[in-house]
């Protein structure tokens, strides 16, 4: 995997992966900041796992929303100290047992972003069947 980050102006940067995907980032709030992008990556990465695991378990899921909350250190470097991911799953006859397992497997085994942060950031999860 490769990427290139190019300064545009002020605190704005254009990001491009070697697969051609682009993203704008901005330290002044006009686009996601790098830390916001990390938080979004936690939610997206783990949600992919949860959706895939539930599909493999033949759960009739119609929606998955991951709401994230975080806390950061008060002083520089203002790293994340806590991240909480709350999954809201909609569908027909979703098994709580399967959902529990999907969230646990994502957090403990499959989500590379969560696992990369583990040991440095307190990561917790919760879920609900909506």
N, C-alpha and C. Protein backbone atom coordinates (compact mmCIF):
# COMPACT_ATOMS: atom_id res chain seq x y z
N UNK A 1 0.85 -1.17 0.00
CA UNK A 1 0.00 0.00 0.00
C UNK A 1 0.90 1.24 0.00
N UNK A 2 0.52 2.18 -0.81
CA UNK A 2 1.26 3.44 -0.90
C UNK A 2 0.26 4.59 -0.96
N UNK A 3 0.74 5.77 -0.59
CA UNK A 3 -0.11 6.96 -0.65
C UNK A 3 0.78 8.19 -0.79
N UNK A 4 0.16 9.27 -1.24
CA UNK A 4 0.87 10.54 -1.37
C UNK A 4 0.00 11.63 -0.77
N UNK A 5 0.61 12.48 0.05
CA UNK A 5 -0.08 13.61 0.67
C UNK A 5 0.60 14.88 0.18
N UNK A 6 -0.18 15.75 -0.45
CA UNK A 6 0.37 16.96 -1.06
C UNK A 6 -0.26 18.19 -0.43
N UNK A 7 0.59 19.08 0.03
CA UNK A 7 0.14 20.35 0.62
C UNK A 7 -0.52 21.20 -0.44
N UNK A 8 -1.71 21.75 -0.14
CA UNK A 8 -2.44 22.60 -1.07
C UNK A 8 -2.26 24.08 -0.70
N UNK A 9 -2.61 24.40 0.55
CA UNK A 9 -2.48 25.76 1.08
C UNK A 9 -2.82 25.72 2.56
N UNK A 10 -2.39 26.71 3.30
CA UNK A 10 -2.66 26.79 4.73
C UNK A 10 -2.42 25.42 5.39
N UNK A 11 -3.46 24.82 5.94
CA UNK A 11 -3.37 23.50 6.58
C UNK A 11 -4.13 22.45 5.79
N UNK A 12 -4.34 22.69 4.49
CA UNK A 12 -5.11 21.80 3.63
C UNK A 12 -4.18 20.91 2.81
N UNK A 13 -4.52 19.61 2.78
CA UNK A 13 -3.71 18.64 2.07
C UNK A 13 -4.60 17.77 1.19
N UNK A 14 -4.09 17.39 0.05
CA UNK A 14 -4.76 16.46 -0.84
C UNK A 14 -4.07 15.10 -0.69
N UNK A 15 -4.87 14.07 -0.47
CA UNK A 15 -4.33 12.73 -0.24
C UNK A 15 -4.78 11.81 -1.36
N UNK A 16 -3.87 10.97 -1.82
CA UNK A 16 -4.22 10.01 -2.88
C UNK A 16 -3.52 8.69 -2.61
N UNK A 17 -4.29 7.60 -2.73
CA UNK A 17 -3.72 6.27 -2.57
C UNK A 17 -3.22 5.77 -3.92
N UNK A 18 -2.41 4.73 -3.88
CA UNK A 18 -1.90 4.17 -5.14
C UNK A 18 -3.01 3.51 -5.97
N UNK A 19 -4.20 3.33 -5.37
CA UNK A 19 -5.33 2.79 -6.13
C UNK A 19 -6.18 3.90 -6.75
N UNK A 20 -5.76 5.17 -6.55
CA UNK A 20 -6.44 6.28 -7.18
C UNK A 20 -7.52 6.95 -6.34
N UNK A 21 -7.75 6.50 -5.12
CA UNK A 21 -8.74 7.14 -4.26
C UNK A 21 -8.16 8.41 -3.66
N UNK A 22 -9.02 9.42 -3.54
CA UNK A 22 -8.55 10.70 -3.02
C UNK A 22 -9.36 11.14 -1.81
N UNK A 23 -8.75 11.99 -1.00
CA UNK A 23 -9.38 12.51 0.20
C UNK A 23 -8.72 13.84 0.51
N UNK A 24 -9.52 14.81 0.86
CA UNK A 24 -8.98 16.09 1.31
C UNK A 24 -8.94 16.08 2.83
N UNK A 25 -7.88 16.61 3.41
CA UNK A 25 -7.78 16.77 4.86
C UNK A 25 -7.36 18.19 5.16
N UNK A 26 -7.83 18.69 6.31
CA UNK A 26 -7.57 20.07 6.64
C UNK A 26 -7.46 20.23 8.16
N UNK A 27 -6.40 20.86 8.59
CA UNK A 27 -6.22 21.13 10.01
C UNK A 27 -7.03 22.30 10.52
N UNK A 28 -7.72 23.01 9.61
CA UNK A 28 -8.53 24.17 10.01
C UNK A 28 -10.02 23.91 9.97
N UNK A 29 -10.43 22.67 9.72
CA UNK A 29 -11.85 22.33 9.80
C UNK A 29 -12.65 22.42 8.52
N UNK A 30 -12.03 22.69 7.39
CA UNK A 30 -12.78 22.73 6.13
C UNK A 30 -12.97 21.34 5.53
N UNK A 31 -12.23 20.38 6.02
CA UNK A 31 -12.33 18.98 5.62
C UNK A 31 -11.95 18.18 6.87
N UNK A 32 -12.13 16.87 6.83
CA UNK A 32 -11.74 16.09 8.01
C UNK A 32 -10.27 16.31 8.37
N UNK A 33 -10.01 16.38 9.67
CA UNK A 33 -8.62 16.46 10.13
C UNK A 33 -8.03 15.05 10.12
N UNK A 34 -6.72 14.92 10.19
CA UNK A 34 -6.13 13.59 10.26
C UNK A 34 -6.67 12.76 11.43
N UNK A 35 -6.89 13.37 12.58
CA UNK A 35 -7.42 12.62 13.72
C UNK A 35 -8.86 12.19 13.48
N UNK A 36 -9.65 13.03 12.83
CA UNK A 36 -11.01 12.63 12.47
C UNK A 36 -10.96 11.45 11.51
N UNK A 37 -10.00 11.47 10.59
CA UNK A 37 -9.87 10.38 9.64
C UNK A 37 -9.53 9.06 10.34
N UNK A 38 -8.70 9.12 11.37
CA UNK A 38 -8.38 7.92 12.15
C UNK A 38 -9.64 7.40 12.84
N UNK A 39 -10.41 8.29 13.44
CA UNK A 39 -11.64 7.88 14.11
C UNK A 39 -12.63 7.26 13.11
N UNK A 40 -12.76 7.88 11.95
CA UNK A 40 -13.62 7.33 10.91
C UNK A 40 -13.12 5.97 10.44
N UNK A 41 -11.80 5.80 10.37
CA UNK A 41 -11.22 4.52 9.95
C UNK A 41 -11.55 3.42 10.94
N UNK A 42 -11.56 3.74 12.23
CA UNK A 42 -11.96 2.75 13.24
C UNK A 42 -13.38 2.28 12.96
N UNK A 43 -14.30 3.21 12.76
CA UNK A 43 -15.69 2.86 12.53
C UNK A 43 -15.91 2.11 11.23
N UNK A 44 -15.27 2.56 10.17
CA UNK A 44 -15.45 1.90 8.87
C UNK A 44 -14.85 0.50 8.87
N UNK A 45 -13.64 0.37 9.40
CA UNK A 45 -12.97 -0.92 9.42
C UNK A 45 -13.77 -1.94 10.23
N UNK A 46 -14.19 -1.55 11.41
CA UNK A 46 -14.91 -2.49 12.26
C UNK A 46 -16.31 -2.77 11.71
N UNK A 47 -16.94 -1.77 11.10
CA UNK A 47 -18.27 -2.00 10.51
C UNK A 47 -18.21 -2.98 9.35
N UNK A 48 -17.16 -2.90 8.55
CA UNK A 48 -16.97 -3.88 7.47
C UNK A 48 -16.95 -5.29 8.05
N UNK A 49 -16.19 -5.47 9.14
CA UNK A 49 -16.12 -6.78 9.77
C UNK A 49 -17.48 -7.23 10.27
N UNK A 50 -18.17 -6.36 11.00
CA UNK A 50 -19.47 -6.71 11.57
C UNK A 50 -20.45 -7.11 10.48
N UNK A 51 -20.51 -6.33 9.40
CA UNK A 51 -21.41 -6.65 8.29
C UNK A 51 -21.05 -7.99 7.67
N UNK A 52 -19.78 -8.21 7.39
CA UNK A 52 -19.35 -9.47 6.77
C UNK A 52 -19.65 -10.68 7.65
N UNK A 53 -19.36 -10.55 8.94
CA UNK A 53 -19.61 -11.66 9.87
C UNK A 53 -21.10 -11.96 9.97
N UNK A 54 -21.92 -10.92 10.05
CA UNK A 54 -23.36 -11.14 10.11
C UNK A 54 -23.90 -11.75 8.82
N UNK A 55 -23.37 -11.33 7.68
CA UNK A 55 -23.79 -11.93 6.40
C UNK A 55 -23.43 -13.41 6.36
N UNK A 56 -22.21 -13.75 6.80
CA UNK A 56 -21.79 -15.15 6.81
C UNK A 56 -22.64 -15.98 7.76
N UNK A 57 -23.17 -15.34 8.79
CA UNK A 57 -24.06 -16.03 9.73
C UNK A 57 -25.50 -16.05 9.23
N UNK A 58 -25.70 -15.58 8.02
CA UNK A 58 -27.01 -15.55 7.36
C UNK A 58 -28.03 -14.72 8.14
N UNK A 59 -27.56 -13.61 8.69
CA UNK A 59 -28.46 -12.69 9.38
C UNK A 59 -29.03 -11.71 8.35
N UNK A 60 -30.32 -11.47 8.42
CA UNK A 60 -31.02 -10.61 7.45
C UNK A 60 -30.89 -9.15 7.90
N UNK A 61 -29.69 -8.60 7.76
CA UNK A 61 -29.38 -7.24 8.19
C UNK A 61 -29.73 -6.25 7.08
N UNK A 62 -30.36 -5.15 7.46
CA UNK A 62 -30.73 -4.13 6.47
C UNK A 62 -29.98 -2.82 6.67
N UNK A 63 -29.34 -2.64 7.85
CA UNK A 63 -28.63 -1.39 8.11
C UNK A 63 -27.62 -1.59 9.23
N UNK A 64 -26.50 -0.89 9.11
CA UNK A 64 -25.47 -0.91 10.14
C UNK A 64 -24.94 0.52 10.27
N UNK A 65 -25.05 1.08 11.46
CA UNK A 65 -24.52 2.41 11.75
C UNK A 65 -23.58 2.26 12.94
N UNK A 66 -22.40 2.84 12.82
CA UNK A 66 -21.44 2.82 13.92
C UNK A 66 -21.22 4.25 14.38
N UNK A 67 -21.66 4.54 15.60
CA UNK A 67 -21.46 5.87 16.18
C UNK A 67 -20.23 5.82 17.07
N UNK A 68 -19.32 6.76 16.88
CA UNK A 68 -18.06 6.77 17.59
C UNK A 68 -17.95 7.98 18.50
N UNK A 69 -17.45 7.75 19.70
CA UNK A 69 -17.11 8.85 20.59
C UNK A 69 -15.66 8.63 21.00
N UNK A 70 -14.99 9.73 21.29
CA UNK A 70 -13.57 9.59 21.64
C UNK A 70 -13.18 10.64 22.66
N UNK A 71 -12.06 10.37 23.31
CA UNK A 71 -11.42 11.33 24.20
C UNK A 71 -9.97 11.41 23.77
N UNK A 72 -9.42 12.63 23.90
CA UNK A 72 -8.03 12.84 23.52
C UNK A 72 -7.26 13.42 24.70
N UNK A 73 -5.96 13.24 24.67
CA UNK A 73 -5.10 13.79 25.71
C UNK A 73 -5.24 15.31 25.72
N UNK A 74 -5.12 15.90 26.90
CA UNK A 74 -5.27 17.35 27.04
C UNK A 74 -4.10 18.13 26.46
N UNK A 75 -2.92 17.52 26.47
CA UNK A 75 -1.72 18.23 26.01
C UNK A 75 -1.10 17.48 24.83
N UNK A 76 -0.25 18.19 24.11
CA UNK A 76 0.41 17.61 22.94
C UNK A 76 1.37 16.49 23.36
N UNK A 77 1.42 15.43 22.60
CA UNK A 77 0.59 15.16 21.43
C UNK A 77 -0.80 14.74 21.85
N UNK A 78 -1.81 15.29 21.22
CA UNK A 78 -3.21 15.07 21.62
C UNK A 78 -3.75 13.77 21.03
N UNK A 79 -3.13 12.68 21.46
CA UNK A 79 -3.51 11.36 20.98
C UNK A 79 -4.86 10.95 21.55
N UNK A 80 -5.48 9.97 20.91
CA UNK A 80 -6.70 9.39 21.47
C UNK A 80 -6.34 8.63 22.73
N UNK A 81 -7.14 8.79 23.76
CA UNK A 81 -6.98 8.00 24.97
C UNK A 81 -8.10 6.97 25.09
N UNK A 82 -9.27 7.30 24.55
CA UNK A 82 -10.42 6.40 24.57
C UNK A 82 -11.21 6.53 23.27
N UNK A 83 -11.68 5.40 22.79
CA UNK A 83 -12.62 5.38 21.65
C UNK A 83 -13.70 4.37 21.99
N UNK A 84 -14.95 4.78 21.80
CA UNK A 84 -16.08 3.88 21.98
C UNK A 84 -16.83 3.78 20.66
N UNK A 85 -17.07 2.55 20.21
CA UNK A 85 -17.83 2.29 18.99
C UNK A 85 -19.15 1.65 19.37
N UNK A 86 -20.26 2.28 18.98
CA UNK A 86 -21.60 1.77 19.26
C UNK A 86 -22.26 1.43 17.93
N UNK A 87 -22.60 0.15 17.75
CA UNK A 87 -23.18 -0.33 16.50
C UNK A 87 -24.69 -0.42 16.65
N UNK A 88 -25.40 0.13 15.67
CA UNK A 88 -26.85 0.02 15.61
C UNK A 88 -27.18 -0.82 14.38
N UNK A 89 -27.76 -1.97 14.62
CA UNK A 89 -28.04 -2.92 13.55
C UNK A 89 -29.54 -3.05 13.37
N UNK A 90 -29.98 -2.95 12.13
CA UNK A 90 -31.39 -3.17 11.80
C UNK A 90 -31.48 -4.38 10.89
N UNK A 91 -32.59 -5.06 11.00
CA UNK A 91 -32.81 -6.22 10.15
C UNK A 91 -33.98 -7.03 10.65
N UNK A 92 -34.13 -8.19 10.07
CA UNK A 92 -35.22 -9.09 10.42
C UNK A 92 -34.69 -10.25 11.25
N UNK A 93 -35.19 -10.36 12.47
CA UNK A 93 -34.82 -11.46 13.37
C UNK A 93 -33.31 -11.57 13.58
N UNK A 94 -32.66 -10.44 13.82
CA UNK A 94 -31.22 -10.45 14.08
C UNK A 94 -30.97 -11.15 15.41
N UNK A 95 -30.07 -12.10 15.41
CA UNK A 95 -29.72 -12.84 16.62
C UNK A 95 -28.72 -12.03 17.44
N UNK A 96 -29.06 -11.77 18.71
CA UNK A 96 -28.15 -11.04 19.59
C UNK A 96 -26.85 -11.83 19.77
N UNK A 97 -26.96 -13.14 19.80
CA UNK A 97 -25.77 -14.00 19.92
C UNK A 97 -24.82 -13.76 18.74
N UNK A 98 -25.34 -13.72 17.53
CA UNK A 98 -24.51 -13.49 16.35
C UNK A 98 -23.92 -12.08 16.34
N UNK A 99 -24.73 -11.11 16.76
CA UNK A 99 -24.25 -9.73 16.79
C UNK A 99 -23.14 -9.57 17.84
N UNK A 100 -23.34 -10.15 19.01
CA UNK A 100 -22.30 -10.10 20.05
C UNK A 100 -20.99 -10.67 19.51
N UNK A 101 -21.09 -11.80 18.86
CA UNK A 101 -19.89 -12.47 18.31
C UNK A 101 -19.25 -11.62 17.22
N UNK A 102 -20.04 -11.02 16.36
CA UNK A 102 -19.51 -10.20 15.26
C UNK A 102 -18.73 -9.00 15.81
N UNK A 103 -19.30 -8.31 16.78
CA UNK A 103 -18.63 -7.14 17.36
C UNK A 103 -17.35 -7.58 18.08
N UNK A 104 -17.43 -8.67 18.83
CA UNK A 104 -16.26 -9.16 19.55
C UNK A 104 -15.15 -9.59 18.60
N UNK A 105 -15.48 -10.33 17.56
CA UNK A 105 -14.48 -10.77 16.60
C UNK A 105 -13.82 -9.59 15.89
N UNK A 106 -14.61 -8.59 15.56
CA UNK A 106 -14.05 -7.41 14.91
C UNK A 106 -13.04 -6.74 15.83
N UNK A 107 -13.43 -6.48 17.07
CA UNK A 107 -12.58 -5.74 18.00
C UNK A 107 -11.34 -6.53 18.41
N UNK A 108 -11.46 -7.84 18.51
CA UNK A 108 -10.36 -8.64 19.06
C UNK A 108 -9.51 -9.36 18.02
N UNK A 109 -10.04 -9.52 16.80
CA UNK A 109 -9.32 -10.36 15.83
C UNK A 109 -9.15 -9.75 14.45
N UNK A 110 -10.15 -9.05 13.93
CA UNK A 110 -10.14 -8.68 12.52
C UNK A 110 -9.90 -7.21 12.20
N UNK A 111 -10.36 -6.30 13.02
CA UNK A 111 -10.26 -4.88 12.65
C UNK A 111 -8.82 -4.39 12.82
N UNK A 112 -8.13 -4.27 11.72
CA UNK A 112 -6.71 -3.90 11.77
C UNK A 112 -6.51 -2.51 12.36
N UNK A 113 -7.45 -1.60 12.17
CA UNK A 113 -7.30 -0.26 12.73
C UNK A 113 -7.43 -0.30 14.25
N UNK A 114 -8.45 -0.99 14.75
CA UNK A 114 -8.59 -1.13 16.20
C UNK A 114 -7.38 -1.83 16.80
N UNK A 115 -6.95 -2.90 16.16
CA UNK A 115 -5.82 -3.67 16.68
C UNK A 115 -4.53 -2.87 16.66
N UNK A 116 -4.37 -2.01 15.66
CA UNK A 116 -3.19 -1.15 15.58
C UNK A 116 -3.16 -0.17 16.76
N UNK A 117 -4.32 0.26 17.21
CA UNK A 117 -4.40 1.23 18.31
C UNK A 117 -4.41 0.56 19.69
N UNK A 118 -4.69 -0.75 19.74
CA UNK A 118 -4.81 -1.41 21.04
C UNK A 118 -3.48 -1.34 21.79
N UNK A 119 -3.60 -1.23 23.11
CA UNK A 119 -2.42 -1.06 23.94
C UNK A 119 -2.07 0.40 24.16
N UNK A 120 -2.54 1.26 23.27
CA UNK A 120 -2.32 2.71 23.38
C UNK A 120 -3.62 3.45 23.67
N UNK A 121 -4.72 2.92 23.15
CA UNK A 121 -6.03 3.57 23.27
C UNK A 121 -7.00 2.58 23.91
N UNK A 122 -7.76 3.03 24.89
CA UNK A 122 -8.80 2.19 25.47
C UNK A 122 -9.98 2.15 24.50
N UNK A 123 -10.22 0.99 23.91
CA UNK A 123 -11.29 0.85 22.93
C UNK A 123 -12.39 -0.02 23.52
N UNK A 124 -13.60 0.51 23.51
CA UNK A 124 -14.76 -0.22 24.01
C UNK A 124 -15.83 -0.25 22.92
N UNK A 125 -16.73 -1.22 23.03
CA UNK A 125 -17.79 -1.36 22.05
C UNK A 125 -19.12 -1.62 22.75
N UNK A 126 -20.18 -1.31 22.06
CA UNK A 126 -21.53 -1.68 22.48
C UNK A 126 -22.36 -1.82 21.21
N UNK A 127 -23.55 -2.35 21.36
CA UNK A 127 -24.41 -2.53 20.19
C UNK A 127 -25.86 -2.54 20.62
N UNK A 128 -26.71 -2.36 19.63
CA UNK A 128 -28.15 -2.50 19.83
C UNK A 128 -28.76 -2.98 18.54
N UNK A 129 -29.82 -3.73 18.69
CA UNK A 129 -30.62 -4.14 17.53
C UNK A 129 -31.76 -3.15 17.48
N UNK A 130 -31.79 -2.34 16.45
CA UNK A 130 -32.77 -1.26 16.35
C UNK A 130 -34.01 -1.71 15.59
